[in-house]
């Protein structure tokens, strides 16, 4: 490939990633995962810039060109290896619900990265990963395969993690999200294999950029349908799900549950809205833990109300999972709440029971049952529990 072609091939992916990074700063919540994805994109831009510079200077005469080739190619490998490692942590964090950036295990996962960087540094003494020959031409070193295996290993491991997560989850939306993470790994692996077999082609990074943009688009779609505070599906996504469900010919048990937090107003009034927000997040986390591995759609309906639509749930299963949730919330620990755990009021309706011949009939019946239970729970003595001590 000529220098002009190399530059042209790289300009569009670089521009696309820069545009995505600009939107990433404005549109996404500030979190470790967002910062990680932004770092991956920055590394991608740097990799493609160094790739173009080194290709254009490859074979040029002069000590300056040789120096730039050494520095540029070294930076290229460092950024490539670190980017693959960060992507693995990103997927691991997603699959393990926030454990990708924490703990000693992260350092264990970084061992292949560190070994590769040490070998790369040793290349300044003798050829290892790469070297620049007397004609200022880039040459692969005898241990070049190590950097390729380590980078491909991290990407492949991330693919496997995402694929396992896709198989485990029962929620359709979660499956789609994991599918995009698997999709990310396939593109660079194909591009890398072709580039390794056909030296001189430049497919790896343009294909990786396309995959990154696709992952970003998927995240943006999630943000539109996600509740910003709890990470659950929002009211808009719930309405869409119910519309789709209403058009289905339902042949299996279906349970619609709606719940709210008892004395949530008192918690807000006596302990402050920040504590109230924390309580909402704790309840959302409990819902994910209890219903996460079932075929349930979980959404924040609004305020302190949540909806769970469970496929395959008969009355016995619905009661079992409600009991698990109630026990978990009663045992929940929140420093700000001086009086212990939380209680909820939950109403359930089952498709096909009397008065529930349509999906929307279940909504009304479950709502009515929730308020009946709520009225039983709300008595003056119980409300005193949430009076702040002082």
Protein backbone atom coordinates (compact mmCIF):
# COMPACT_ATOMS: atom_id res chain seq x y z
CA UNK A 1 0.00 0.00 0.00
CA UNK A 2 1.27 3.48 -0.85
CA UNK A 3 1.67 6.22 1.75
CA UNK A 4 -1.32 8.11 0.35
CA UNK A 5 -3.55 5.04 0.61
CA UNK A 6 -2.40 4.40 4.19
CA UNK A 7 -3.25 7.99 5.14
CA UNK A 8 -6.64 7.84 3.41
CA UNK A 9 -7.50 4.52 5.06
CA UNK A 10 -6.72 5.97 8.51
CA UNK A 11 -8.28 9.45 8.22
CA UNK A 12 -11.93 8.34 8.38
CA UNK A 13 -11.54 5.99 11.40
CA UNK A 14 -9.57 8.66 13.29
CA UNK A 15 -12.19 11.33 12.53
CA UNK A 16 -15.00 8.95 13.52
CA UNK A 17 -13.35 8.12 16.85
CA UNK A 18 -12.68 11.79 17.62
CA UNK A 19 -16.35 12.58 17.00
CA UNK A 20 -17.43 9.67 19.19
CA UNK A 21 -15.09 10.79 22.01
CA UNK A 22 -16.60 14.26 21.89
CA UNK A 23 -20.10 12.80 22.25
CA UNK A 24 -18.87 10.38 24.89
CA UNK A 25 -17.88 13.26 27.17
CA UNK A 26 -21.27 14.94 26.83
CA UNK A 27 -23.72 12.08 26.60
CA UNK A 28 -22.57 9.38 29.01
CA UNK A 29 -22.50 9.25 32.80
CA UNK A 30 -19.14 9.69 34.52
CA UNK A 31 -18.12 6.16 35.46
CA UNK A 32 -15.09 3.90 35.35
CA UNK A 33 -16.50 2.09 32.33
CA UNK A 34 -17.00 5.35 30.46
CA UNK A 35 -13.46 6.48 31.26
CA UNK A 36 -12.14 3.08 30.19
CA UNK A 37 -13.95 3.24 26.84
CA UNK A 38 -12.72 6.80 26.29
CA UNK A 39 -9.14 5.67 27.04
CA UNK A 40 -9.47 2.80 24.56
CA UNK A 41 -10.57 5.24 21.86
CA UNK A 42 -7.70 7.63 22.63
CA UNK A 43 -5.25 4.75 22.39
CA UNK A 44 -6.83 3.72 19.08
CA UNK A 45 -6.33 7.22 17.64
CA UNK A 46 -2.69 7.28 18.80
CA UNK A 47 -2.08 3.79 17.39
CA UNK A 48 -3.39 4.78 13.95
CA UNK A 49 -1.37 8.02 13.94
CA UNK A 50 1.88 6.21 14.85
CA UNK A 51 1.01 3.50 12.31
CA UNK A 52 0.73 6.06 9.50
CA UNK A 53 3.85 7.97 10.57
CA UNK A 54 5.96 4.81 10.77
CA UNK A 55 4.67 3.53 7.45
CA UNK A 56 5.45 6.83 5.71
CA UNK A 57 8.99 6.95 7.16
CA UNK A 58 9.72 3.26 6.59
CA UNK A 59 12.86 2.99 4.41
CA UNK A 60 13.63 6.72 4.52
CA UNK A 61 17.30 7.56 4.95
CA UNK A 62 18.77 9.43 7.90
CA UNK A 63 19.29 9.02 11.63
CA UNK A 64 16.24 11.21 12.42
CA UNK A 65 13.96 8.89 10.44
CA UNK A 66 15.49 5.89 12.19
CA UNK A 67 14.96 7.44 15.62
CA UNK A 68 11.34 8.27 14.84
CA UNK A 69 10.79 4.72 13.55
CA UNK A 70 12.15 3.25 16.80
CA UNK A 71 10.07 5.56 19.01
CA UNK A 72 6.96 5.30 16.83
CA UNK A 73 6.96 1.52 16.59
CA UNK A 74 7.69 1.13 20.30
CA UNK A 75 4.75 3.43 21.14
CA UNK A 76 2.60 1.51 18.67
CA UNK A 77 3.20 -1.79 20.48
CA UNK A 78 2.81 -0.29 23.96
CA UNK A 79 -0.53 1.31 23.05
CA UNK A 80 -1.74 -1.81 21.23
CA UNK A 81 -1.03 -4.09 24.19
CA UNK A 82 -2.50 -1.65 26.71
CA UNK A 83 -5.61 -1.13 24.60
CA UNK A 84 -6.24 -4.90 24.40
CA UNK A 85 -5.78 -5.16 28.18
CA UNK A 86 -8.20 -2.29 28.84
CA UNK A 87 -10.82 -3.86 26.57
CA UNK A 88 -10.54 -7.11 28.51
CA UNK A 89 -11.05 -5.19 31.78
CA UNK A 90 -14.00 -3.33 30.26
CA UNK A 91 -15.79 -6.57 29.31
CA UNK A 92 -14.83 -8.24 32.60
CA UNK A 93 -16.29 -5.27 34.48
CA UNK A 94 -19.52 -5.58 32.51
CA UNK A 95 -19.83 -9.35 33.03
CA UNK A 96 -19.01 -9.21 36.75
CA UNK A 97 -21.17 -6.12 37.44
CA UNK A 98 -18.41 -3.71 38.37
CA UNK A 99 -15.41 -5.81 39.46
CA UNK A 100 -13.17 -5.24 36.44
CA UNK A 101 -11.20 -2.37 37.90
CA UNK A 102 -10.84 -3.61 41.45
CA UNK A 103 -8.81 -6.06 43.52
CA UNK A 104 -5.50 -7.88 43.37
CA UNK A 105 -6.85 -10.07 40.56
CA UNK A 106 -6.47 -7.10 38.20
CA UNK A 107 -2.69 -7.25 38.66
CA UNK A 108 -2.72 -10.98 37.93
CA UNK A 109 -4.56 -10.29 34.69
CA UNK A 110 -1.89 -7.73 33.80
CA UNK A 111 0.99 -10.27 33.96
CA UNK A 112 0.96 -11.03 30.18
CA UNK A 113 0.94 -7.29 29.50
CA UNK A 114 3.92 -6.66 31.80
CA UNK A 115 5.91 -9.58 30.31
CA UNK A 116 5.29 -8.25 26.79
CA UNK A 117 6.40 -4.74 27.78
CA UNK A 118 9.58 -6.10 29.35
CA UNK A 119 10.40 -8.03 26.16
CA UNK A 120 9.63 -4.89 24.14
CA UNK A 121 12.01 -2.85 26.32
CA UNK A 122 14.70 -5.51 25.91
CA UNK A 123 14.47 -4.87 22.16
CA UNK A 124 16.61 -1.77 22.65
CA UNK A 125 19.56 -4.11 23.35
CA UNK A 126 18.88 -6.86 20.83
CA UNK A 127 16.07 -7.62 18.33
CA UNK A 128 13.01 -9.01 20.08
CA UNK A 129 9.54 -7.84 18.99
CA UNK A 130 10.82 -5.69 16.10
CA UNK A 131 13.92 -3.89 14.88
CA UNK A 132 14.93 -1.29 12.30
CA UNK A 133 17.57 -2.62 9.89
CA UNK A 134 20.46 -0.77 8.29
CA UNK A 135 18.22 0.45 5.47
CA UNK A 136 15.76 1.95 7.96
CA UNK A 137 13.19 -0.73 7.20
CA UNK A 138 10.91 -2.11 9.90
CA UNK A 139 11.45 -5.84 10.48
CA UNK A 140 9.60 -8.28 12.71
CA UNK A 141 11.77 -9.71 15.47
CA UNK A 142 12.06 -13.35 16.53
CA UNK A 143 9.62 -12.82 19.43
CA UNK A 144 7.13 -10.75 17.42
CA UNK A 145 4.51 -13.49 17.87
CA UNK A 146 4.44 -12.85 21.64
CA UNK A 147 2.95 -9.36 21.31
CA UNK A 148 0.41 -10.68 18.81
CA UNK A 149 -0.58 -13.61 21.03
CA UNK A 150 -0.91 -11.43 24.14
CA UNK A 151 -3.04 -8.77 22.41
CA UNK A 152 -5.16 -11.39 20.62
CA UNK A 153 -5.39 -13.35 23.88
CA UNK A 154 -6.90 -10.42 25.77
CA UNK A 155 -9.38 -9.74 22.96
CA UNK A 156 -10.26 -13.44 22.66
CA UNK A 157 -10.71 -13.78 26.43
CA UNK A 158 -13.04 -10.77 26.37
CA UNK A 159 -15.02 -12.42 23.56
CA UNK A 160 -15.36 -15.63 25.54
CA UNK A 161 -16.46 -13.76 28.67
CA UNK A 162 -19.09 -11.84 26.70
CA UNK A 163 -20.28 -15.03 24.98
CA UNK A 164 -20.64 -16.84 28.31
CA UNK A 165 -22.54 -13.84 29.69
CA UNK A 166 -24.82 -13.94 26.65
CA UNK A 167 -25.57 -17.63 27.26
CA UNK A 168 -26.24 -17.16 30.97
CA UNK A 169 -28.58 -14.21 30.87
CA UNK A 170 -32.26 -14.75 30.16
CA UNK A 171 -33.03 -11.11 29.37
CA UNK A 172 -33.25 -10.34 25.67
CA UNK A 173 -31.78 -6.85 26.00
CA UNK A 174 -28.81 -8.17 27.98
CA UNK A 175 -28.18 -10.82 25.32
CA UNK A 176 -28.07 -8.10 22.68
CA UNK A 177 -25.57 -6.06 24.72
CA UNK A 178 -23.27 -9.05 25.17
CA UNK A 179 -23.62 -9.80 21.48
CA UNK A 180 -22.11 -6.41 20.64
CA UNK A 181 -19.17 -7.12 22.96
CA UNK A 182 -18.57 -10.44 21.18
CA UNK A 183 -18.91 -8.60 17.87
CA UNK A 184 -16.16 -6.15 18.89
CA UNK A 185 -13.61 -8.94 19.27
CA UNK A 186 -14.41 -10.67 15.98
CA UNK A 187 -13.58 -7.68 13.75
CA UNK A 188 -10.04 -6.93 15.04
CA UNK A 189 -9.20 -10.63 15.21
CA UNK A 190 -10.14 -11.09 11.55
CA UNK A 191 -8.31 -7.90 10.56
CA UNK A 192 -5.25 -8.90 12.58
CA UNK A 193 -5.07 -12.38 11.05
CA UNK A 194 -5.33 -10.98 7.52
CA UNK A 195 -2.74 -8.29 8.27
CA UNK A 196 -0.34 -10.86 9.76
CA UNK A 197 -0.69 -13.18 6.76
CA UNK A 198 -0.59 -10.42 4.15
CA UNK A 199 2.14 -8.07 5.35
CA UNK A 200 1.58 -4.53 4.10
CA UNK A 201 -2.20 -4.56 4.29
CA UNK A 202 -3.88 -2.28 6.84
CA UNK A 203 -7.15 -3.83 8.01
CA UNK A 204 -6.65 -4.31 11.74
CA UNK A 205 -7.24 -0.79 13.04
CA UNK A 206 -9.93 0.37 10.60
CA UNK A 207 -11.93 -2.77 11.45
CA UNK A 208 -11.32 -2.24 15.17
CA UNK A 209 -12.53 1.36 14.84
CA UNK A 210 -15.73 0.20 13.14
CA UNK A 211 -16.33 -2.25 16.00
CA UNK A 212 -15.73 0.48 18.62
CA UNK A 213 -18.20 2.82 16.93
CA UNK A 214 -20.77 0.00 16.89
CA UNK A 215 -20.23 -0.60 20.61
CA UNK A 216 -20.70 3.13 21.26
CA UNK A 217 -23.93 3.21 19.24
CA UNK A 218 -25.22 0.27 21.28
CA UNK A 219 -24.34 2.12 24.51
CA UNK A 220 -26.22 5.18 23.31
CA UNK A 221 -29.26 3.04 22.55
CA UNK A 222 -29.03 1.61 26.07
CA UNK A 223 -28.83 5.11 27.56
CA UNK A 224 -32.06 6.11 25.83
CA UNK A 225 -33.89 3.18 27.43
CA UNK A 226 -32.10 3.19 30.81
CA UNK A 227 -32.98 4.95 34.02
CA UNK A 228 -30.06 7.24 34.76
CA UNK A 229 -29.97 6.61 38.50
CA UNK A 230 -30.58 2.87 38.87
CA UNK A 231 -29.45 1.53 35.49
CA UNK A 232 -32.73 -0.35 35.11
CA UNK A 233 -35.05 -0.02 32.12
CA UNK A 234 -36.96 3.25 32.20
CA UNK A 235 -40.66 4.01 31.73
CA UNK A 236 -40.23 4.56 27.98
CA UNK A 237 -38.61 1.14 27.54
CA UNK A 238 -41.31 -0.45 29.73
CA UNK A 239 -44.07 0.96 27.53
CA UNK A 240 -42.30 -0.39 24.45
CA UNK A 241 -41.92 -3.82 26.05
CA UNK A 242 -45.59 -3.95 27.04
CA UNK A 243 -46.63 -2.94 23.51
CA UNK A 244 -44.58 -5.82 22.06
CA UNK A 245 -45.88 -8.21 24.71
CA UNK A 246 -49.46 -7.21 24.01
CA UNK A 247 -49.09 -8.33 20.39
CA UNK A 248 -47.66 -11.74 21.29
CA UNK A 249 -49.69 -14.93 21.45
CA UNK A 250 -48.77 -15.85 25.03
CA UNK A 251 -48.63 -19.59 25.67
CA UNK A 252 -46.64 -19.71 28.91
CA UNK A 253 -47.20 -18.38 32.45
CA UNK A 254 -46.64 -14.65 32.72
CA UNK A 255 -46.50 -12.58 35.90
CA UNK A 256 -46.68 -8.80 36.14
CA UNK A 257 -45.49 -7.37 39.47
CA UNK A 258 -45.40 -3.77 40.61
CA UNK A 259 -43.85 -2.66 43.89
CA UNK A 260 -42.89 0.42 45.81
CA UNK A 261 -40.82 1.11 48.91
CA UNK A 262 -42.77 1.49 52.14
CA UNK A 263 -42.36 4.85 53.87
CA UNK A 264 -40.11 6.19 51.13
CA UNK A 265 -41.49 9.70 51.66
CA UNK A 266 -40.58 9.48 55.35
CA UNK A 267 -37.08 8.30 54.45
CA UNK A 268 -36.66 11.30 52.11
CA UNK A 269 -38.09 13.75 54.63
CA UNK A 270 -36.09 12.52 57.62
CA UNK A 271 -32.82 11.39 56.09
CA UNK A 272 -32.56 13.57 52.97
CA UNK A 273 -32.91 13.03 49.23
CA UNK A 274 -29.35 11.73 48.86
CA UNK A 275 -30.22 8.88 51.20
CA UNK A 276 -33.44 8.38 49.25
CA UNK A 277 -31.45 8.10 46.03
CA UNK A 278 -29.12 5.58 47.66
CA UNK A 279 -32.12 3.52 48.78
CA UNK A 280 -33.45 3.45 45.21
CA UNK A 281 -30.08 2.17 43.96
CA UNK A 282 -29.94 -0.48 46.70
CA UNK A 283 -33.41 -1.71 45.76
CA UNK A 284 -32.46 -1.77 42.07
CA UNK A 285 -29.33 -3.80 42.90
CA UNK A 286 -31.44 -6.26 44.92
CA UNK A 287 -33.90 -6.62 42.03
CA UNK A 288 -31.03 -7.39 39.64
CA UNK A 289 -29.59 -9.95 42.04
CA UNK A 290 -32.88 -11.74 42.67
CA UNK A 291 -34.37 -11.62 39.17
CA UNK A 292 -31.20 -11.21 37.09
CA UNK A 293 -30.88 -14.86 36.08
CA UNK A 294 -34.58 -15.33 35.33
CA UNK A 295 -36.54 -14.39 32.22
CA UNK A 296 -37.66 -11.16 33.84
CA UNK A 297 -37.87 -7.62 32.52
CA UNK A 298 -37.12 -5.12 35.31
CA UNK A 299 -37.92 -1.40 35.08
CA UNK A 300 -38.18 1.65 37.25
CA UNK A 301 -41.74 2.83 36.78
CA UNK A 302 -41.19 6.20 38.41
CA UNK A 303 -40.39 7.57 41.86
CA UNK A 304 -40.01 4.59 44.17
CA UNK A 305 -42.10 2.23 42.03
CA UNK A 306 -40.59 -0.70 40.12
CA UNK A 307 -42.07 -3.22 37.69
CA UNK A 308 -41.03 -6.84 37.11
CA UNK A 309 -42.51 -8.80 34.19
CA UNK A 310 -41.55 -12.46 34.52
CA UNK A 311 -42.00 -15.04 31.80
CA UNK A 312 -42.58 -18.62 32.95
CA UNK A 313 -43.55 -17.57 36.50
CA UNK A 314 -46.57 -19.34 37.97
CA UNK A 315 -47.99 -18.26 41.35
CA UNK A 316 -45.61 -20.42 43.35
CA UNK A 317 -42.51 -19.09 41.59
CA UNK A 318 -43.74 -15.50 41.86
CA UNK A 319 -44.21 -15.90 45.61
CA UNK A 320 -40.79 -17.57 45.95
CA UNK A 321 -38.95 -14.70 44.26
CA UNK A 322 -41.00 -12.06 46.07
CA UNK A 323 -40.04 -13.71 49.37
CA UNK A 324 -36.36 -13.72 48.38
CA UNK A 325 -36.52 -10.02 47.53
CA UNK A 326 -38.32 -9.10 50.76
CA UNK A 327 -35.80 -11.03 52.87
CA UNK A 328 -32.87 -9.45 51.05
CA UNK A 329 -34.22 -5.93 51.55
CA UNK A 330 -34.98 -6.53 55.23
CA UNK A 331 -31.35 -7.58 55.75
CA UNK A 332 -29.92 -4.75 53.65
CA UNK A 333 -27.32 -2.51 55.27
CA UNK A 334 -27.40 1.24 54.78
CA UNK A 335 -25.40 3.39 57.19
CA UNK A 336 -27.66 6.39 56.67
CA UNK A 337 -30.76 4.45 57.75
CA UNK A 338 -30.53 4.23 61.51
CA UNK A 339 -33.34 1.70 61.82
CA UNK A 340 -32.22 -1.11 59.54
CA UNK A 341 -33.63 -2.73 56.45
CA UNK A 342 -36.33 -1.85 53.96
CA UNK A 343 -39.87 -3.09 53.38
CA UNK A 344 -41.86 -3.12 50.17
CA UNK A 345 -45.43 -3.49 48.98
CA UNK A 346 -45.77 -5.69 45.91
CA UNK A 347 -48.83 -6.56 43.89
CA UNK A 348 -48.82 -9.39 41.36
CA UNK A 349 -51.16 -10.39 38.54
CA UNK A 350 -50.98 -13.48 36.35
CA UNK A 351 -51.94 -13.71 32.71
CA UNK A 352 -55.11 -15.73 32.24
CA UNK A 353 -56.50 -15.32 35.75
CA UNK A 354 -59.98 -13.89 36.07
CA UNK A 355 -60.08 -10.40 34.63
CA UNK A 356 -56.64 -10.72 32.98
CA UNK A 357 -57.31 -11.79 29.42
CA UNK A 358 -55.12 -8.99 28.05
CA UNK A 359 -51.64 -7.89 29.13
CA UNK A 360 -52.86 -4.41 30.11
CA UNK A 361 -55.50 -5.96 32.36
CA UNK A 362 -52.64 -7.33 34.46
CA UNK A 363 -51.26 -3.84 35.02
CA UNK A 364 -54.47 -2.57 36.58
CA UNK A 365 -54.98 -5.64 38.77
CA UNK A 366 -51.37 -5.70 40.02
CA UNK A 367 -51.52 -1.97 40.79
CA UNK A 368 -54.75 -2.41 42.76
CA UNK A 369 -53.26 -5.32 44.74
CA UNK A 370 -50.12 -3.33 45.52
CA UNK A 371 -52.13 -0.49 47.04
CA UNK A 372 -54.20 -2.95 49.08
CA UNK A 373 -50.98 -4.36 50.57
CA UNK A 374 -49.56 -0.86 51.01
CA UNK A 375 -52.61 0.22 53.01
CA UNK A 376 -52.14 -2.79 55.29
CA UNK A 377 -48.48 -1.91 55.84
CA UNK A 378 -49.00 1.80 56.44
CA UNK A 379 -50.04 2.29 60.01
CA UNK A 380 -48.91 5.02 62.36
CA UNK A 381 -46.74 2.80 64.56
CA UNK A 382 -44.75 1.48 61.59
CA UNK A 383 -44.25 4.98 60.20
CA UNK A 384 -42.57 5.99 63.46
CA UNK A 385 -39.70 3.65 62.57
CA UNK A 386 -38.47 6.19 60.05
CA UNK A 387 -38.48 9.17 62.38
CA UNK A 388 -34.87 10.33 62.59
CA UNK A 389 -33.36 10.04 66.04
CA UNK A 390 -32.05 13.25 67.42
